[in-house]
Amino acid sequence: MLYTLNENELLTKVHKYELKRDSEKLRIDVHEVLAGTIDDQFFAIPNLLFREEREVDPQFIGCGDTEQAALEDCLQKIKKAPIQLIVPPSV
């Protein structure tokens, strides 16, 4: 299906996953690109339910040609990082 977008816009479908780590839940949103220009067809962004509006360090964003590849890339990047580093509290 073709979607009509303005220049520099990106339309994605979001697939949600939840990772329990200690007493916190980390959500990973895997975006499937439906329209617009970006290098990868899928990208995965980790966040916390109560910190969704915060910026995530780009080093933790997973990318891939499939939903599973982007999710796995993200999981590998966040595996040893503390949640406070992945999604920093507000300053």
N, C-alpha and C. Protein backbone atom coordinates (compact mmCIF):
# COMPACT_ATOMS: atom_id res chain seq x y z
N MET A 1 0.85 -1.18 0.00
CA MET A 1 0.00 0.00 0.00
C MET A 1 0.89 1.25 0.00
N LEU A 2 0.51 2.23 -0.75
CA LEU A 2 1.26 3.48 -0.81
C LEU A 2 0.61 4.52 0.09
N TYR A 3 1.44 5.24 0.82
CA TYR A 3 0.98 6.30 1.70
C TYR A 3 1.58 7.61 1.20
N THR A 4 0.78 8.65 1.20
CA THR A 4 1.26 9.95 0.75
C THR A 4 1.73 10.74 1.96
N LEU A 5 3.02 11.05 1.98
CA LEU A 5 3.61 11.80 3.08
C LEU A 5 4.29 13.05 2.56
N ASN A 6 4.48 14.00 3.44
CA ASN A 6 5.28 15.17 3.11
C ASN A 6 6.75 14.78 3.13
N GLU A 7 7.58 15.61 2.55
CA GLU A 7 9.01 15.36 2.55
C GLU A 7 9.53 15.29 3.99
N ASN A 8 10.44 14.39 4.26
CA ASN A 8 11.07 14.19 5.57
C ASN A 8 10.13 13.62 6.62
N GLU A 9 8.99 13.05 6.23
CA GLU A 9 8.11 12.39 7.19
C GLU A 9 8.35 10.88 7.12
N LEU A 10 8.01 10.23 8.22
CA LEU A 10 8.21 8.79 8.33
C LEU A 10 6.98 8.20 8.99
N LEU A 11 6.38 7.19 8.36
CA LEU A 11 5.22 6.50 8.92
C LEU A 11 5.67 5.10 9.31
N THR A 12 5.43 4.73 10.58
CA THR A 12 5.83 3.41 11.06
C THR A 12 4.67 2.72 11.75
N LYS A 13 4.74 1.41 11.74
CA LYS A 13 3.83 0.57 12.52
C LYS A 13 4.67 0.09 13.70
N VAL A 14 4.13 0.18 14.92
CA VAL A 14 4.91 -0.13 16.11
C VAL A 14 4.50 -1.48 16.69
N HIS A 15 5.50 -2.33 16.92
CA HIS A 15 5.32 -3.61 17.58
C HIS A 15 5.93 -3.47 18.97
N LYS A 16 5.19 -3.81 20.01
CA LYS A 16 5.65 -3.58 21.37
C LYS A 16 6.09 -4.88 22.05
N TYR A 17 7.21 -4.79 22.76
CA TYR A 17 7.74 -5.89 23.55
C TYR A 17 8.04 -5.36 24.94
N GLU A 18 8.04 -6.26 25.93
CA GLU A 18 8.34 -5.84 27.29
C GLU A 18 9.38 -6.78 27.88
N LEU A 19 10.43 -6.20 28.43
CA LEU A 19 11.51 -6.96 29.05
C LEU A 19 11.50 -6.64 30.54
N LYS A 20 11.34 -7.66 31.38
CA LYS A 20 11.41 -7.47 32.82
C LYS A 20 12.85 -7.57 33.25
N ARG A 21 13.31 -6.55 33.94
CA ARG A 21 14.69 -6.53 34.45
C ARG A 21 14.63 -6.02 35.87
N ASP A 22 14.98 -6.89 36.80
CA ASP A 22 14.88 -6.57 38.22
C ASP A 22 13.45 -6.15 38.54
N SER A 23 13.28 -4.98 39.13
CA SER A 23 11.93 -4.55 39.50
C SER A 23 11.31 -3.62 38.45
N GLU A 24 12.00 -3.39 37.35
CA GLU A 24 11.49 -2.49 36.32
C GLU A 24 11.15 -3.25 35.04
N LYS A 25 10.27 -2.65 34.28
CA LYS A 25 9.91 -3.21 32.98
C LYS A 25 10.43 -2.25 31.91
N LEU A 26 11.18 -2.78 31.01
CA LEU A 26 11.72 -2.02 29.90
C LEU A 26 10.91 -2.39 28.67
N ARG A 27 10.32 -1.39 28.02
CA ARG A 27 9.58 -1.68 26.80
C ARG A 27 10.47 -1.40 25.60
N ILE A 28 10.34 -2.25 24.61
CA ILE A 28 11.07 -2.06 23.36
C ILE A 28 10.04 -1.92 22.25
N ASP A 29 10.05 -0.78 21.60
CA ASP A 29 9.14 -0.52 20.49
C ASP A 29 9.91 -0.76 19.19
N VAL A 30 9.45 -1.75 18.43
CA VAL A 30 10.07 -2.04 17.13
C VAL A 30 9.21 -1.36 16.07
N HIS A 31 9.81 -0.43 15.36
CA HIS A 31 9.11 0.33 14.32
C HIS A 31 9.34 -0.32 12.96
N GLU A 32 8.26 -0.60 12.27
CA GLU A 32 8.32 -1.11 10.90
C GLU A 32 8.02 0.07 9.98
N VAL A 33 8.93 0.40 9.11
CA VAL A 33 8.77 1.55 8.23
C VAL A 33 7.77 1.22 7.13
N LEU A 34 6.66 1.95 7.10
CA LEU A 34 5.64 1.77 6.07
C LEU A 34 5.81 2.76 4.92
N ALA A 35 6.29 3.95 5.25
CA ALA A 35 6.51 4.97 4.22
C ALA A 35 7.53 5.97 4.73
N GLY A 36 8.32 6.49 3.82
CA GLY A 36 9.36 7.45 4.17
C GLY A 36 10.72 6.85 3.87
N THR A 37 11.74 7.67 4.03
CA THR A 37 13.08 7.23 3.70
C THR A 37 13.93 7.10 4.95
N ILE A 38 14.46 5.91 5.15
CA ILE A 38 15.37 5.61 6.26
C ILE A 38 16.19 4.40 5.84
N ASP A 39 17.38 4.26 6.42
CA ASP A 39 18.29 3.19 5.99
C ASP A 39 17.76 1.79 6.25
N ASP A 40 17.15 1.57 7.42
CA ASP A 40 16.69 0.23 7.78
C ASP A 40 15.18 0.13 7.73
N GLN A 41 14.67 -1.05 7.40
CA GLN A 41 13.22 -1.29 7.34
C GLN A 41 12.61 -1.36 8.74
N PHE A 42 13.41 -1.75 9.73
CA PHE A 42 12.94 -1.86 11.11
C PHE A 42 13.97 -1.22 12.04
N PHE A 43 13.49 -0.59 13.12
CA PHE A 43 14.38 -0.10 14.16
C PHE A 43 13.69 -0.25 15.51
N ALA A 44 14.47 -0.60 16.53
CA ALA A 44 13.94 -0.91 17.85
C ALA A 44 14.46 0.09 18.87
N ILE A 45 13.53 0.70 19.63
CA ILE A 45 13.88 1.73 20.60
C ILE A 45 13.46 1.28 21.99
N PRO A 46 14.42 1.16 22.93
CA PRO A 46 14.07 0.81 24.30
C PRO A 46 13.56 2.03 25.05
N ASN A 47 12.60 1.82 25.95
CA ASN A 47 12.12 2.91 26.80
C ASN A 47 11.45 2.34 28.04
N LEU A 48 11.19 3.20 28.99
CA LEU A 48 10.46 2.81 30.19
C LEU A 48 9.05 3.37 30.09
N LEU A 49 8.09 2.68 30.65
CA LEU A 49 6.70 3.11 30.55
C LEU A 49 6.51 4.53 31.04
N PHE A 50 7.21 4.91 32.10
CA PHE A 50 7.03 6.25 32.64
C PHE A 50 8.07 7.24 32.13
N ARG A 51 8.91 6.83 31.19
CA ARG A 51 9.91 7.73 30.61
C ARG A 51 9.87 7.71 29.08
N GLU A 52 8.72 7.44 28.50
CA GLU A 52 8.63 7.29 27.04
C GLU A 52 9.03 8.56 26.28
N GLU A 53 8.81 9.71 26.88
CA GLU A 53 9.09 10.95 26.17
C GLU A 53 10.58 11.30 26.20
N ARG A 54 11.37 10.57 26.94
CA ARG A 54 12.80 10.85 27.07
C ARG A 54 13.56 10.35 25.85
N GLU A 55 14.64 11.02 25.59
CA GLU A 55 15.50 10.60 24.48
C GLU A 55 16.33 9.40 24.90
N VAL A 56 16.44 8.45 24.02
CA VAL A 56 17.27 7.27 24.25
C VAL A 56 18.59 7.49 23.52
N ASP A 57 19.67 7.10 24.16
CA ASP A 57 20.98 7.20 23.52
C ASP A 57 20.96 6.35 22.25
N PRO A 58 21.31 6.93 21.11
CA PRO A 58 21.26 6.20 19.84
C PRO A 58 22.05 4.90 19.83
N GLN A 59 23.05 4.77 20.71
CA GLN A 59 23.84 3.53 20.75
C GLN A 59 23.02 2.31 21.15
N PHE A 60 21.82 2.54 21.75
CA PHE A 60 20.97 1.44 22.19
C PHE A 60 19.84 1.12 21.22
N ILE A 61 19.75 1.84 20.12
CA ILE A 61 18.70 1.60 19.13
C ILE A 61 19.15 0.48 18.19
N GLY A 62 18.32 -0.55 18.09
CA GLY A 62 18.63 -1.67 17.22
C GLY A 62 18.06 -1.46 15.83
N CYS A 63 18.73 -1.99 14.83
CA CYS A 63 18.28 -1.85 13.44
C CYS A 63 18.38 -3.20 12.73
N GLY A 64 17.57 -3.35 11.69
CA GLY A 64 17.65 -4.57 10.91
C GLY A 64 16.68 -4.59 9.76
N ASP A 65 16.78 -5.64 8.95
CA ASP A 65 15.92 -5.82 7.80
C ASP A 65 14.61 -6.51 8.15
N THR A 66 14.53 -7.07 9.38
CA THR A 66 13.31 -7.71 9.85
C THR A 66 13.02 -7.25 11.28
N GLU A 67 11.80 -7.47 11.72
CA GLU A 67 11.42 -7.12 13.10
C GLU A 67 12.31 -7.87 14.09
N GLN A 68 12.52 -9.16 13.85
CA GLN A 68 13.31 -9.97 14.75
C GLN A 68 14.77 -9.51 14.78
N ALA A 69 15.32 -9.14 13.64
CA ALA A 69 16.71 -8.69 13.58
C ALA A 69 16.89 -7.38 14.35
N ALA A 70 15.96 -6.45 14.21
CA ALA A 70 16.04 -5.17 14.93
C ALA A 70 15.91 -5.39 16.43
N LEU A 71 14.99 -6.26 16.83
CA LEU A 71 14.79 -6.56 18.25
C LEU A 71 16.04 -7.22 18.82
N GLU A 72 16.60 -8.20 18.14
CA GLU A 72 17.81 -8.88 18.61
C GLU A 72 18.98 -7.91 18.70
N ASP A 73 19.13 -7.02 17.72
CA ASP A 73 20.20 -6.02 17.74
C ASP A 73 20.05 -5.13 18.97
N CYS A 74 18.84 -4.69 19.25
CA CYS A 74 18.58 -3.85 20.42
C CYS A 74 18.89 -4.61 21.71
N LEU A 75 18.42 -5.86 21.81
CA LEU A 75 18.67 -6.66 23.02
C LEU A 75 20.16 -6.85 23.28
N GLN A 76 20.92 -7.06 22.23
CA GLN A 76 22.37 -7.20 22.40
C GLN A 76 23.01 -5.90 22.89
N LYS A 77 22.51 -4.77 22.40
CA LYS A 77 23.07 -3.47 22.77
C LYS A 77 22.75 -3.09 24.21
N ILE A 78 21.60 -3.51 24.72
CA ILE A 78 21.20 -3.13 26.07
C ILE A 78 21.52 -4.20 27.11
N LYS A 79 22.00 -5.34 26.67
CA LYS A 79 22.17 -6.50 27.54
C LYS A 79 22.92 -6.20 28.83
N LYS A 80 24.01 -5.51 28.77
CA LYS A 80 24.83 -5.25 29.96
C LYS A 80 24.71 -3.82 30.48
N ALA A 81 23.89 -3.01 29.85
CA ALA A 81 23.75 -1.61 30.26
C ALA A 81 22.68 -1.46 31.32
N PRO A 82 22.95 -0.66 32.36
CA PRO A 82 21.92 -0.40 33.36
C PRO A 82 20.78 0.44 32.76
N ILE A 83 19.58 0.21 33.24
CA ILE A 83 18.41 0.91 32.71
C ILE A 83 18.58 2.43 32.78
N GLN A 84 19.21 2.93 33.84
CA GLN A 84 19.39 4.38 34.01
C GLN A 84 20.30 4.95 32.91
N LEU A 85 21.14 4.12 32.33
CA LEU A 85 21.99 4.58 31.22
C LEU A 85 21.22 4.52 29.90
N ILE A 86 20.37 3.51 29.75
CA ILE A 86 19.60 3.35 28.52
C ILE A 86 18.58 4.47 28.38
N VAL A 87 17.81 4.70 29.44
CA VAL A 87 16.79 5.76 29.47
C VAL A 87 17.07 6.61 30.70
N PRO A 88 17.90 7.65 30.55
CA PRO A 88 18.29 8.46 31.71
C PRO A 88 17.09 9.19 32.33
N PRO A 89 17.13 9.36 33.66
CA PRO A 89 16.08 10.15 34.31
C PRO A 89 16.20 11.61 33.86
N SER A 90 15.14 12.36 34.01
CA SER A 90 15.19 13.77 33.59
C SER A 90 16.14 14.54 34.50
N VAL A 91 16.69 15.58 33.94
CA VAL A 91 17.66 16.40 34.68
C VAL A 91 16.96 17.57 35.31
